[in-house]
Amino acid sequence: MAADGKVRVSPQTPEQIRAEIARTRAELALSVSELREEVARRADWREWVRQRPLACVGAAFFIGFLIGNSQRR
């Protein structure tokens, strides 16, 4: 940090900039991949049933009840 309170950044060579861009791309690709896996896992209905079996059975019963009642009218 300089005396005036500003951070001084030393100039980078084009090779350093390219390397930093490549590193950032790799990190971004990894983050996107992890995010896709997490979304797929959380949206998987089998995972929901495994983690909350009673709630899923209750929800299925309730939905069946609503559908059954709507067709009687």
C-alpha atoms as a PDB file:
ATOM      1  CA  MET A   1       0.000   0.000   0.000  1.00  0.00           C
ATOM      2  CA  ALA A   2       1.331   3.407  -0.932  1.00  0.00           C
ATOM      3  CA  ALA A   3       1.586   6.395   1.393  1.00  0.00           C
ATOM      4  CA  ASP A   4      -1.601   7.893  -0.080  1.00  0.00           C
ATOM      5  CA  GLY A   5      -3.626   4.802   0.975  1.00  0.00           C
ATOM      6  CA  LYS A   6      -4.051   3.378  -2.509  1.00  0.00           C
ATOM      7  CA  VAL A   7      -3.033  -0.134  -3.443  1.00  0.00           C
ATOM      8  CA  ARG A   8      -0.410  -0.199  -6.152  1.00  0.00           C
ATOM      9  CA  VAL A   9      -0.692  -2.991  -8.708  1.00  0.00           C
ATOM     10  CA  SER A  10       2.430  -3.876 -10.593  1.00  0.00           C
ATOM     11  CA  PRO A  11       1.942  -4.166 -14.355  1.00  0.00           C
ATOM     12  CA  GLN A  12       1.497  -7.715 -15.603  1.00  0.00           C
ATOM     13  CA  THR A  13       2.951  -9.226 -18.697  1.00  0.00           C
ATOM     14  CA  PRO A  14       0.584 -10.591 -21.355  1.00  0.00           C
ATOM     15  CA  GLU A  15       1.634 -14.136 -20.381  1.00  0.00           C
ATOM     16  CA  GLN A  16       0.677 -13.495 -16.749  1.00  0.00           C
ATOM     17  CA  ILE A  17      -2.678 -12.096 -17.819  1.00  0.00           C
ATOM     18  CA  ARG A  18      -3.329 -15.123 -20.064  1.00  0.00           C
ATOM     19  CA  ALA A  19      -2.371 -17.484 -17.238  1.00  0.00           C
ATOM     20  CA  GLU A  20      -4.717 -15.673 -14.849  1.00  0.00           C
ATOM     21  CA  ILE A  21      -7.565 -15.836 -17.394  1.00  0.00           C
ATOM     22  CA  ALA A  22      -6.950 -19.571 -17.887  1.00  0.00           C
ATOM     23  CA  ARG A  23      -6.921 -20.112 -14.112  1.00  0.00           C
ATOM     24  CA  THR A  24     -10.152 -18.150 -13.739  1.00  0.00           C
ATOM     25  CA  ARG A  25     -11.795 -20.153 -16.561  1.00  0.00           C
ATOM     26  CA  ALA A  26     -10.814 -23.424 -14.898  1.00  0.00           C
ATOM     27  CA  GLU A  27     -12.214 -22.270 -11.548  1.00  0.00           C
ATOM     28  CA  LEU A  28     -15.424 -21.121 -13.225  1.00  0.00           C
ATOM     29  CA  ALA A  29     -15.826 -24.426 -15.093  1.00  0.00           C
ATOM     30  CA  LEU A  30     -15.371 -26.327 -11.832  1.00  0.00           C
ATOM     31  CA  SER A  31     -17.909 -24.114 -10.049  1.00  0.00           C
ATOM     32  CA  VAL A  32     -20.472 -24.555 -12.825  1.00  0.00           C
ATOM     33  CA  SER A  33     -19.945 -28.317 -12.786  1.00  0.00           C
ATOM     34  CA  GLU A  34     -20.427 -28.466  -9.006  1.00  0.00           C
ATOM     35  CA  LEU A  35     -23.534 -26.294  -9.269  1.00  0.00           C
ATOM     36  CA  ARG A  36     -25.051 -28.573 -11.937  1.00  0.00           C
ATOM     37  CA  GLU A  37     -24.445 -31.631  -9.768  1.00  0.00           C
ATOM     38  CA  GLU A  38     -26.008 -29.953  -6.739  1.00  0.00           C
ATOM     39  CA  VAL A  39     -29.087 -28.824  -8.696  1.00  0.00           C
ATOM     40  CA  ALA A  40     -29.514 -32.303 -10.193  1.00  0.00           C
ATOM     41  CA  ARG A  41     -29.213 -33.899  -6.751  1.00  0.00           C
ATOM     42  CA  ARG A  42     -31.701 -31.534  -5.133  1.00  0.00           C
ATOM     43  CA  ALA A  43     -34.222 -31.851  -7.951  1.00  0.00           C
ATOM     44  CA  ASP A  44     -34.111 -35.676  -7.989  1.00  0.00           C
ATOM     45  CA  TRP A  45     -37.459 -36.960  -6.686  1.00  0.00           C
ATOM     46  CA  ARG A  46     -35.823 -40.203  -5.486  1.00  0.00           C
ATOM     47  CA  GLU A  47     -33.565 -38.207  -3.180  1.00  0.00           C
ATOM     48  CA  TRP A  48     -36.612 -36.423  -1.742  1.00  0.00           C
ATOM     49  CA  VAL A  49     -38.330 -39.773  -1.065  1.00  0.00           C
ATOM     50  CA  ARG A  50     -35.153 -41.182   0.511  1.00  0.00           C
ATOM     51  CA  GLN A  51     -34.767 -38.215   2.837  1.00  0.00           C
ATOM     52  CA  ARG A  52     -38.454 -37.597   3.650  1.00  0.00           C
ATOM     53  CA  PRO A  53     -40.444 -40.787   3.033  1.00  0.00           C
ATOM     54  CA  LEU A  54     -43.386 -39.961   5.305  1.00  0.00           C
ATOM     55  CA  ALA A  55     -43.803 -36.452   3.955  1.00  0.00           C
ATOM     56  CA  CYS A  56     -43.783 -37.786   0.372  1.00  0.00           C
ATOM     57  CA  VAL A  57     -46.386 -40.450   1.160  1.00  0.00           C
ATOM     58  CA  GLY A  58     -48.518 -37.804   2.860  1.00  0.00           C
ATOM     59  CA  ALA A  59     -48.175 -35.442  -0.088  1.00  0.00           C
ATOM     60  CA  ALA A  60     -49.071 -38.237  -2.533  1.00  0.00           C
ATOM     61  CA  PHE A  61     -52.138 -39.115  -0.447  1.00  0.00           C
ATOM     62  CA  PHE A  62     -53.217 -35.465  -0.294  1.00  0.00           C
ATOM     63  CA  ILE A  63     -52.785 -34.934  -4.040  1.00  0.00           C
ATOM     64  CA  GLY A  64     -54.698 -38.145  -4.744  1.00  0.00           C
ATOM     65  CA  PHE A  65     -57.457 -36.964  -2.429  1.00  0.00           C
ATOM     66  CA  LEU A  66     -57.698 -33.603  -4.237  1.00  0.00           C
ATOM     67  CA  ILE A  67     -57.798 -35.253  -7.657  1.00  0.00           C
ATOM     68  CA  GLY A  68     -60.393 -37.769  -6.484  1.00  0.00           C
ATOM     69  CA  ASN A  69     -62.596 -35.061  -5.025  1.00  0.00           C
ATOM     70  CA  SER A  70     -62.390 -32.830  -8.091  1.00  0.00           C
ATOM     71  CA  GLN A  71     -63.632 -35.597 -10.401  1.00  0.00           C
ATOM     72  CA  ARG A  72     -66.751 -36.278  -8.291  1.00  0.00           C
ATOM     73  CA  ARG A  73     -68.199 -32.833  -8.963  1.00  0.00           C
END
